[in-house]
Protein backbone atom coordinates (compact mmCIF):
# COMPACT_ATOMS: atom_id res chain seq x y z
CA MET A 1 -5.92 11.47 17.80
CA SER A 2 -2.63 12.43 16.77
CA LYS A 3 -0.76 10.42 13.99
CA ARG A 4 2.99 9.92 14.19
CA ILE A 5 4.55 10.22 11.15
CA VAL A 6 8.25 9.41 10.81
CA VAL A 7 9.99 11.32 7.94
CA ILE A 8 13.29 9.36 6.79
CA GLY A 9 15.43 12.01 5.19
CA GLY A 10 13.20 15.08 6.21
CA SER A 11 16.12 17.49 6.37
CA GLY A 12 16.50 17.98 2.45
CA LYS A 13 14.81 20.56 0.03
CA VAL A 14 11.65 18.07 -0.32
CA GLY A 15 11.72 16.90 3.33
CA GLY A 16 11.28 20.73 4.32
CA PHE A 17 8.24 21.10 2.30
CA ILE A 18 6.63 17.89 3.39
CA MET A 19 7.35 18.38 6.90
CA ARG A 20 5.93 21.85 6.82
CA HIS A 21 2.69 20.71 5.08
CA LEU A 22 2.13 17.95 7.73
CA LEU A 23 2.86 20.40 10.67
CA ASP A 24 0.12 22.65 9.11
CA HIS A 25 -2.31 19.87 9.03
CA GLY A 26 -1.58 19.18 12.74
CA TYR A 27 0.55 15.95 12.41
CA GLU A 28 3.19 14.63 14.92
CA ILE A 29 6.27 14.38 13.12
CA GLN A 30 9.47 12.71 13.64
CA ASN A 31 12.36 13.78 11.50
CA VAL A 32 15.15 11.19 10.88
CA ASP A 33 18.26 12.13 9.13
CA GLN A 34 22.11 12.27 8.89
CA LYS A 35 21.85 16.04 9.39
CA ARG A 36 19.66 18.69 10.88
CA PRO A 37 16.86 20.33 8.69
CA ILE A 38 17.57 23.35 6.47
CA GLU A 39 14.81 25.10 7.98
CA ASP A 40 14.30 25.82 11.71
CA PHE A 41 11.31 23.48 12.29
CA ASP A 42 10.10 23.07 15.76
CA ILE A 43 10.51 19.18 14.90
CA PRO A 44 12.50 16.69 16.65
CA THR A 45 15.44 15.03 14.58
CA ILE A 46 17.04 11.76 15.34
CA LEU A 47 20.66 11.50 13.59
CA ALA A 48 20.69 8.22 12.20
CA ASP A 49 22.07 6.05 9.37
CA VAL A 50 19.32 4.38 7.94
CA ARG A 51 21.62 2.01 6.05
CA ASP A 52 21.95 0.35 9.27
CA LYS A 53 18.78 -1.80 9.54
CA GLY A 54 18.97 -1.73 13.49
CA GLN A 55 18.78 2.08 13.42
CA VAL A 56 15.64 1.86 11.31
CA TYR A 57 13.94 -0.57 13.40
CA SER A 58 14.70 1.61 16.12
CA VAL A 59 13.31 5.03 14.67
CA LEU A 60 9.91 3.57 13.28
CA ALA A 61 8.81 1.77 16.37
CA GLY A 62 5.72 3.24 17.22
CA ALA A 63 4.94 5.06 14.15
CA ASP A 64 1.85 5.43 12.36
CA ALA A 65 2.95 6.11 9.10
CA VAL A 66 6.71 6.43 7.49
CA ILE A 67 7.63 8.77 4.73
CA GLN A 68 10.81 7.72 2.75
CA LEU A 69 12.76 10.42 1.37
CA ALA A 70 16.37 9.46 2.25
CA ALA A 71 18.92 9.05 -0.84
CA TYR A 72 21.71 10.52 -2.53
CA PRO A 73 19.87 13.48 -4.47
CA THR A 74 22.11 13.61 -7.60
CA ALA A 75 24.43 11.31 -9.72
CA GLY A 76 28.25 12.32 -10.33
CA LYS A 77 29.15 13.18 -6.57
CA TRP A 78 29.41 9.46 -5.65
CA PRO A 79 30.42 6.39 -7.60
CA GLU A 80 27.34 4.91 -9.31
CA SER A 81 27.66 1.45 -7.45
CA VAL A 82 27.33 3.48 -4.10
CA ILE A 83 24.16 5.18 -5.31
CA PHE A 84 22.70 2.28 -6.23
CA HIS A 85 23.52 0.13 -3.81
CA ASP A 86 22.47 2.76 -0.82
CA ASN A 87 19.65 4.16 -2.03
CA THR A 88 18.01 0.51 -2.60
CA LEU A 89 19.42 -0.72 0.61
CA ILE A 90 17.86 2.27 2.64
CA THR A 91 14.50 1.59 0.90
CA TYR A 92 14.76 -1.99 1.70
CA ASN A 93 15.12 -1.37 5.51
CA VAL A 94 12.50 1.00 5.53
CA LEU A 95 10.07 -1.41 3.87
CA GLU A 96 10.83 -4.30 5.88
CA ALA A 97 10.91 -2.39 9.08
CA ALA A 98 7.66 -0.78 8.34
CA SER A 99 6.01 -4.48 6.97
CA ASN A 100 7.10 -6.34 10.22
CA TYR A 101 5.82 -3.46 12.33
CA GLU A 102 2.68 -3.43 10.33
CA ILE A 103 2.73 0.36 9.91
CA PRO A 104 -0.24 0.91 7.46
CA ARG A 105 1.14 3.86 5.39
CA VAL A 106 4.25 4.10 3.74
CA VAL A 107 5.38 6.84 1.19
CA CYS A 108 8.66 6.18 -0.69
CA MET A 109 10.43 8.39 -2.82
CA SER A 110 13.37 8.32 -4.71
CA THR A 111 15.66 10.28 -6.89
CA LEU A 112 16.93 10.22 -10.68
CA ALA A 113 20.39 9.23 -9.35
CA ILE A 114 19.05 5.55 -8.89
CA ILE A 115 18.65 5.41 -12.48
């Protein structure tokens, strides 16, 4: 039985390593990001803005697990208030949708930019 894992923010550097690992272990992966992956994976990518709760619910429907990687990766490029707001909002949206869908496995990674 294949497990459908949604990787939110999988197009970044860390996401590429994680998606390659999951592919190598036979998982069905759905990448969700605002851009296409750096590496040319044979993985479907949904372009979405996960600051929007409705879009998060849409992409997590039917998932068996979710890996949340989406965030501003570094401080200094954006105002601190924007980094804090968006990074926490994204994580909140993912956790709320995962809870309501009763997704049993959620992995959240963040960035030092949140601090």
